[in-house]
Amino acid sequence: MRRLVKQGRFVVSSEEKLGAFVDAQFKRFDVDRNQRLSFEEFLDFFGEWLDMSALKMEEVRAELAGR
């Protein structure tokens, strides 16, 4: 994921938020506990990141609309 960010193919609001997400969620998605994410595990992991990011964007949009 960090490589995609560095290549500009995936945008995150900050490296710190990405690192915190990875630290908090990696074990949850590493189902076979081999310290790596298989393609299927990564898809679930990435989907969770997208869902979380969309929720945060919606919260910001709602906050700005309420001003």
PDB file of N, CA and C in Angstrom:
ATOM      1  N   MET A   1       0.821  -1.176   0.000  1.00  0.00           N
ATOM      2  CA  MET A   1       0.000   0.000   0.000  1.00  0.00           C
ATOM      3  C   MET A   1       0.874   1.253   0.000  1.00  0.00           C
ATOM      4  N   ARG A   2       1.926   1.226   0.789  1.00  0.00           N
ATOM      5  CA  ARG A   2       2.823   2.385   0.815  1.00  0.00           C
ATOM      6  C   ARG A   2       3.435   2.637  -0.570  1.00  0.00           C
ATOM      7  N   ARG A   3       3.734   1.560  -1.282  1.00  0.00           N
ATOM      8  CA  ARG A   3       4.294   1.716  -2.623  1.00  0.00           C
ATOM      9  C   ARG A   3       3.293   2.410  -3.545  1.00  0.00           C
ATOM     10  N   LEU A   4       2.018   2.033  -3.456  1.00  0.00           N
ATOM     11  CA  LEU A   4       0.995   2.686  -4.265  1.00  0.00           C
ATOM     12  C   LEU A   4       0.894   4.166  -3.934  1.00  0.00           C
ATOM     13  N   VAL A   5       1.029   4.496  -2.656  1.00  0.00           N
ATOM     14  CA  VAL A   5       0.995   5.895  -2.234  1.00  0.00           C
ATOM     15  C   VAL A   5       2.173   6.648  -2.838  1.00  0.00           C
ATOM     16  N   LYS A   6       3.359   6.075  -2.739  1.00  0.00           N
ATOM     17  CA  LYS A   6       4.555   6.743  -3.259  1.00  0.00           C
ATOM     18  C   LYS A   6       4.501   6.904  -4.771  1.00  0.00           C
ATOM     19  N   GLN A   7       3.873   5.960  -5.458  1.00  0.00           N
ATOM     20  CA  GLN A   7       3.748   6.049  -6.906  1.00  0.00           C
ATOM     21  C   GLN A   7       2.640   7.020  -7.323  1.00  0.00           C
ATOM     22  N   GLY A   8       1.883   7.503  -6.354  1.00  0.00           N
ATOM     23  CA  GLY A   8       0.789   8.413  -6.669  1.00  0.00           C
ATOM     24  C   GLY A   8      -0.451   7.710  -7.185  1.00  0.00           C
ATOM     25  N   ARG A   9      -0.501   6.387  -7.037  1.00  0.00           N
ATOM     26  CA  ARG A   9      -1.629   5.622  -7.541  1.00  0.00           C
ATOM     27  C   ARG A   9      -2.721   5.454  -6.490  1.00  0.00           C
ATOM     28  N   PHE A  10      -2.412   5.810  -5.256  1.00  0.00           N
ATOM     29  CA  PHE A  10      -3.372   5.729  -4.166  1.00  0.00           C
ATOM     30  C   PHE A  10      -3.115   6.913  -3.254  1.00  0.00           C
ATOM     31  N   VAL A  11      -4.131   7.670  -2.972  1.00  0.00           N
ATOM     32  CA  VAL A  11      -3.978   8.892  -2.199  1.00  0.00           C
ATOM     33  C   VAL A  11      -4.518   8.681  -0.789  1.00  0.00           C
ATOM     34  N   VAL A  12      -3.723   9.058   0.199  1.00  0.00           N
ATOM     35  CA  VAL A  12      -4.162   9.018   1.594  1.00  0.00           C
ATOM     36  C   VAL A  12      -4.028  10.416   2.167  1.00  0.00           C
ATOM     37  N   SER A  13      -4.820  10.685   3.192  1.00  0.00           N
ATOM     38  CA  SER A  13      -4.780  12.024   3.775  1.00  0.00           C
ATOM     39  C   SER A  13      -3.464  12.273   4.497  1.00  0.00           C
ATOM     40  N   SER A  14      -2.851  11.208   5.024  1.00  0.00           N
ATOM     41  CA  SER A  14      -1.536  11.366   5.652  1.00  0.00           C
ATOM     42  C   SER A  14      -0.892  10.009   5.849  1.00  0.00           C
ATOM     43  N   GLU A  15       0.423  10.001   5.849  1.00  0.00           N
ATOM     44  CA  GLU A  15       1.164   8.774   6.124  1.00  0.00           C
ATOM     45  C   GLU A  15       0.851   8.269   7.532  1.00  0.00           C
ATOM     46  N   GLU A  16       0.633   9.203   8.467  1.00  0.00           N
ATOM     47  CA  GLU A  16       0.348   8.813   9.847  1.00  0.00           C
ATOM     48  C   GLU A  16      -0.962   8.046   9.939  1.00  0.00           C
ATOM     49  N   LYS A  17      -1.993   8.521   9.221  1.00  0.00           N
ATOM     50  CA  LYS A  17      -3.288   7.832   9.251  1.00  0.00           C
ATOM     51  C   LYS A  17      -3.176   6.455   8.610  1.00  0.00           C
ATOM     52  N   LEU A  18      -2.421   6.364   7.519  1.00  0.00           N
ATOM     53  CA  LEU A  18      -2.225   5.071   6.870  1.00  0.00           C
ATOM     54  C   LEU A  18      -1.496   4.123   7.817  1.00  0.00           C
ATOM     55  N   GLY A  19      -0.431   4.598   8.449  1.00  0.00           N
ATOM     56  CA  GLY A  19       0.325   3.762   9.383  1.00  0.00           C
ATOM     57  C   GLY A  19      -0.519   3.302  10.549  1.00  0.00           C
ATOM     58  N   ALA A  20      -1.344   4.195  11.075  1.00  0.00           N
ATOM     59  CA  ALA A  20      -2.217   3.829  12.195  1.00  0.00           C
ATOM     60  C   ALA A  20      -3.231   2.782  11.769  1.00  0.00           C
ATOM     61  N   PHE A  21      -3.770   2.931  10.571  1.00  0.00           N
ATOM     62  CA  PHE A  21      -4.732   1.952  10.076  1.00  0.00           C
ATOM     63  C   PHE A  21      -4.075   0.587   9.897  1.00  0.00           C
ATOM     64  N   VAL A  22      -2.899   0.579   9.281  1.00  0.00           N
ATOM     65  CA  VAL A  22      -2.187  -0.686   9.066  1.00  0.00           C
ATOM     66  C   VAL A  22      -1.867  -1.348  10.403  1.00  0.00           C
ATOM     67  N   ASP A  23      -1.348  -0.574  11.341  1.00  0.00           N
ATOM     68  CA  ASP A  23      -1.010  -1.131  12.653  1.00  0.00           C
ATOM     69  C   ASP A  23      -2.229  -1.717  13.349  1.00  0.00           C
ATOM     70  N   ALA A  24      -3.354  -1.032  13.256  1.00  0.00           N
ATOM     71  CA  ALA A  24      -4.552  -1.465  13.963  1.00  0.00           C
ATOM     72  C   ALA A  24      -5.259  -2.634  13.278  1.00  0.00           C
ATOM     73  N   GLN A  25      -5.157  -2.723  11.968  1.00  0.00           N
ATOM     74  CA  GLN A  25      -5.977  -3.685  11.233  1.00  0.00           C
ATOM     75  C   GLN A  25      -5.234  -4.881  10.640  1.00  0.00           C
ATOM     76  N   PHE A  26      -3.920  -4.825  10.534  1.00  0.00           N
ATOM     77  CA  PHE A  26      -3.189  -5.878   9.829  1.00  0.00           C
ATOM     78  C   PHE A  26      -3.479  -7.268  10.399  1.00  0.00           C
ATOM     79  N   LYS A  27      -3.369  -7.413  11.700  1.00  0.00           N
ATOM     80  CA  LYS A  27      -3.586  -8.733  12.309  1.00  0.00           C
ATOM     81  C   LYS A  27      -4.994  -9.242  12.052  1.00  0.00           C
ATOM     82  N   ARG A  28      -5.928  -8.340  12.024  1.00  0.00           N
ATOM     83  CA  ARG A  28      -7.321  -8.739  11.776  1.00  0.00           C
ATOM     84  C   ARG A  28      -7.490  -9.388  10.407  1.00  0.00           C
ATOM     85  N   PHE A  29      -6.773  -8.896   9.413  1.00  0.00           N
ATOM     86  CA  PHE A  29      -6.937  -9.390   8.053  1.00  0.00           C
ATOM     87  C   PHE A  29      -5.926 -10.462   7.662  1.00  0.00           C
ATOM     88  N   ASP A  30      -4.888 -10.657   8.448  1.00  0.00           N
ATOM     89  CA  ASP A  30      -3.910 -11.721   8.198  1.00  0.00           C
ATOM     90  C   ASP A  30      -4.470 -13.025   8.778  1.00  0.00           C
ATOM     91  N   VAL A  31      -5.450 -13.577   8.091  1.00  0.00           N
ATOM     92  CA  VAL A  31      -6.216 -14.713   8.590  1.00  0.00           C
ATOM     93  C   VAL A  31      -5.337 -15.922   8.878  1.00  0.00           C
ATOM     94  N   ASP A  32      -4.380 -16.217   8.016  1.00  0.00           N
ATOM     95  CA  ASP A  32      -3.530 -17.392   8.223  1.00  0.00           C
ATOM     96  C   ASP A  32      -2.304 -17.104   9.091  1.00  0.00           C
ATOM     97  N   ARG A  33      -2.195 -15.883   9.604  1.00  0.00           N
ATOM     98  CA  ARG A  33      -1.156 -15.471  10.561  1.00  0.00           C
ATOM     99  C   ARG A  33       0.272 -15.723  10.060  1.00  0.00           C
ATOM    100  N   ASN A  34       0.499 -15.466   8.750  1.00  0.00           N
ATOM    101  CA  ASN A  34       1.845 -15.667   8.206  1.00  0.00           C
ATOM    102  C   ASN A  34       2.604 -14.347   8.043  1.00  0.00           C
ATOM    103  N   GLN A  35       2.101 -13.274   8.657  1.00  0.00           N
ATOM    104  CA  GLN A  35       2.722 -11.945   8.608  1.00  0.00           C
ATOM    105  C   GLN A  35       2.718 -11.333   7.207  1.00  0.00           C
ATOM    106  N   ARG A  36       1.861 -11.846   6.337  1.00  0.00           N
ATOM    107  CA  ARG A  36       1.686 -11.328   4.981  1.00  0.00           C
ATOM    108  C   ARG A  36       0.203 -11.350   4.661  1.00  0.00           C
ATOM    109  N   LEU A  37      -0.189 -10.535   3.728  1.00  0.00           N
ATOM    110  CA  LEU A  37      -1.564 -10.585   3.271  1.00  0.00           C
ATOM    111  C   LEU A  37      -1.598 -11.236   1.897  1.00  0.00           C
ATOM    112  N   SER A  38      -2.384 -12.305   1.779  1.00  0.00           N
ATOM    113  CA  SER A  38      -2.612 -12.896   0.465  1.00  0.00           C
ATOM    114  C   SER A  38      -3.437 -11.901  -0.348  1.00  0.00           C
ATOM    115  N   PHE A  39      -3.614 -12.190  -1.603  1.00  0.00           N
ATOM    116  CA  PHE A  39      -4.402 -11.289  -2.447  1.00  0.00           C
ATOM    117  C   PHE A  39      -5.808 -11.125  -1.888  1.00  0.00           C
ATOM    118  N   GLU A  40      -6.430 -12.234  -1.483  1.00  0.00           N
ATOM    119  CA  GLU A  40      -7.780 -12.179  -0.931  1.00  0.00           C
ATOM    120  C   GLU A  40      -7.813 -11.396   0.378  1.00  0.00           C
ATOM    121  N   GLU A  41      -6.823 -11.620   1.229  1.00  0.00           N
ATOM    122  CA  GLU A  41      -6.743 -10.883   2.494  1.00  0.00           C
ATOM    123  C   GLU A  41      -6.557  -9.390   2.219  1.00  0.00           C
ATOM    124  N   PHE A  42      -5.718  -9.078   1.239  1.00  0.00           N
ATOM    125  CA  PHE A  42      -5.486  -7.681   0.896  1.00  0.00           C
ATOM    126  C   PHE A  42      -6.760  -7.016   0.387  1.00  0.00           C
ATOM    127  N   LEU A  43      -7.532  -7.728  -0.429  1.00  0.00           N
ATOM    128  CA  LEU A  43      -8.778  -7.146  -0.932  1.00  0.00           C
ATOM    129  C   LEU A  43      -9.711  -6.781   0.218  1.00  0.00           C
ATOM    130  N   ASP A  44      -9.817  -7.650   1.206  1.00  0.00           N
ATOM    131  CA  ASP A  44     -10.642  -7.353   2.378  1.00  0.00           C
ATOM    132  C   ASP A  44     -10.074  -6.156   3.146  1.00  0.00           C
ATOM    133  N   PHE A  45      -8.759  -6.149   3.333  1.00  0.00           N
ATOM    134  CA  PHE A  45      -8.067  -5.078   4.030  1.00  0.00           C
ATOM    135  C   PHE A  45      -8.280  -3.746   3.315  1.00  0.00           C
ATOM    136  N   PHE A  46      -8.070  -3.736   2.006  1.00  0.00           N
ATOM    137  CA  PHE A  46      -8.211  -2.535   1.201  1.00  0.00           C
ATOM    138  C   PHE A  46      -9.656  -2.052   1.196  1.00  0.00           C
ATOM    139  N   GLY A  47     -10.588  -2.988   1.115  1.00  0.00           N
ATOM    140  CA  GLY A  47     -12.005  -2.629   1.168  1.00  0.00           C
ATOM    141  C   GLY A  47     -12.357  -1.938   2.472  1.00  0.00           C
ATOM    142  N   GLU A  48     -11.801  -2.416   3.566  1.00  0.00           N
ATOM    143  CA  GLU A  48     -12.026  -1.785   4.864  1.00  0.00           C
ATOM    144  C   GLU A  48     -11.469  -0.366   4.878  1.00  0.00           C
ATOM    145  N   TRP A  49     -10.276  -0.173   4.303  1.00  0.00           N
ATOM    146  CA  TRP A  49      -9.683   1.169   4.222  1.00  0.00           C
ATOM    147  C   TRP A  49     -10.590   2.100   3.412  1.00  0.00           C
ATOM    148  N   LEU A  50     -11.092   1.610   2.276  1.00  0.00           N
ATOM    149  CA  LEU A  50     -11.960   2.439   1.449  1.00  0.00           C
ATOM    150  C   LEU A  50     -13.249   2.792   2.184  1.00  0.00           C
ATOM    151  N   ASP A  51     -13.825   1.807   2.875  1.00  0.00           N
ATOM    152  CA  ASP A  51     -15.047   2.066   3.646  1.00  0.00           C
ATOM    153  C   ASP A  51     -14.794   3.110   4.727  1.00  0.00           C
ATOM    154  N   MET A  52     -13.700   2.960   5.457  1.00  0.00           N
ATOM    155  CA  MET A  52     -13.372   3.896   6.523  1.00  0.00           C
ATOM    156  C   MET A  52     -13.133   5.299   5.942  1.00  0.00           C
ATOM    157  N   SER A  53     -12.420   5.367   4.833  1.00  0.00           N
ATOM    158  CA  SER A  53     -12.143   6.658   4.201  1.00  0.00           C
ATOM    159  C   SER A  53     -13.434   7.318   3.725  1.00  0.00           C
ATOM    160  N   ALA A  54     -14.345   6.535   3.156  1.00  0.00           N
ATOM    161  CA  ALA A  54     -15.613   7.087   2.681  1.00  0.00           C
ATOM    162  C   ALA A  54     -16.441   7.622   3.845  1.00  0.00           C
ATOM    163  N   LEU A  55     -16.444   6.910   4.960  1.00  0.00           N
ATOM    164  CA  LEU A  55     -17.179   7.387   6.131  1.00  0.00           C
ATOM    165  C   LEU A  55     -16.607   8.702   6.642  1.00  0.00           C
ATOM    166  N   LYS A  56     -15.291   8.795   6.685  1.00  0.00           N
ATOM    167  CA  LYS A  56     -14.642  10.035   7.137  1.00  0.00           C
ATOM    168  C   LYS A  56     -14.982  11.190   6.196  1.00  0.00           C
ATOM    169  N   MET A  57     -14.967  10.923   4.884  1.00  0.00           N
ATOM    170  CA  MET A  57     -15.297  11.971   3.918  1.00  0.00           C
ATOM    171  C   MET A  57     -16.740  12.419   4.092  1.00  0.00           C
ATOM    172  N   GLU A  58     -17.634  11.492   4.347  1.00  0.00           N
ATOM    173  CA  GLU A  58     -19.039  11.830   4.557  1.00  0.00           C
ATOM    174  C   GLU A  58     -19.213  12.665   5.818  1.00  0.00           C
ATOM    175  N   GLU A  59     -18.473  12.337   6.869  1.00  0.00           N
ATOM    176  CA  GLU A  59     -18.528  13.123   8.103  1.00  0.00           C
ATOM    177  C   GLU A  59     -18.073  14.563   7.846  1.00  0.00           C
ATOM    178  N   VAL A  60     -17.003  14.727   7.100  1.00  0.00           N
ATOM    179  CA  VAL A  60     -16.495  16.065   6.777  1.00  0.00           C
ATOM    180  C   VAL A  60     -17.512  16.819   5.931  1.00  0.00           C
ATOM    181  N   ARG A  61     -18.082  16.143   4.938  1.00  0.00           N
ATOM    182  CA  ARG A  61     -19.079  16.779   4.078  1.00  0.00           C
ATOM    183  C   ARG A  61     -20.279  17.240   4.895  1.00  0.00           C
ATOM    184  N   ALA A  62     -20.768  16.388   5.789  1.00  0.00           N
ATOM    185  CA  ALA A  62     -21.912  16.749   6.626  1.00  0.00           C
ATOM    186  C   ALA A  62     -21.578  17.927   7.548  1.00  0.00           C
ATOM    187  N   GLU A  63     -20.367  17.919   8.091  1.00  0.00           N
ATOM    188  CA  GLU A  63     -19.937  19.016   8.953  1.00  0.00           C
ATOM    189  C   GLU A  63     -19.882  20.325   8.181  1.00  0.00           C
ATOM    190  N   LEU A  64     -19.334  20.284   6.974  1.00  0.00           N
ATOM    191  CA  LEU A  64     -19.235  21.502   6.167  1.00  0.00           C
ATOM    192  C   LEU A  64     -20.613  21.984   5.717  1.00  0.00           C
ATOM    193  N   ALA A  65     -21.515  21.061   5.438  1.00  0.00           N
ATOM    194  CA  ALA A  65     -22.862  21.431   5.016  1.00  0.00           C
ATOM    195  C   ALA A  65     -23.641  22.072   6.158  1.00  0.00           C
ATOM    196  N   GLY A  66     -23.300  21.726   7.396  1.00  0.00           N
ATOM    197  CA  GLY A  66     -23.990  22.260   8.550  1.00  0.00           C
ATOM    198  C   GLY A  66     -23.526  23.632   8.957  1.00  0.00           C
ATOM    199  N   ARG A  67     -22.521  24.143   8.341  1.00  0.00           N
ATOM    200  CA  ARG A  67     -21.985  25.481   8.711  1.00  0.00           C
ATOM    201  C   ARG A  67     -22.798  26.586   8.130  1.00  0.00           C
TER     202      ARG A  67
END
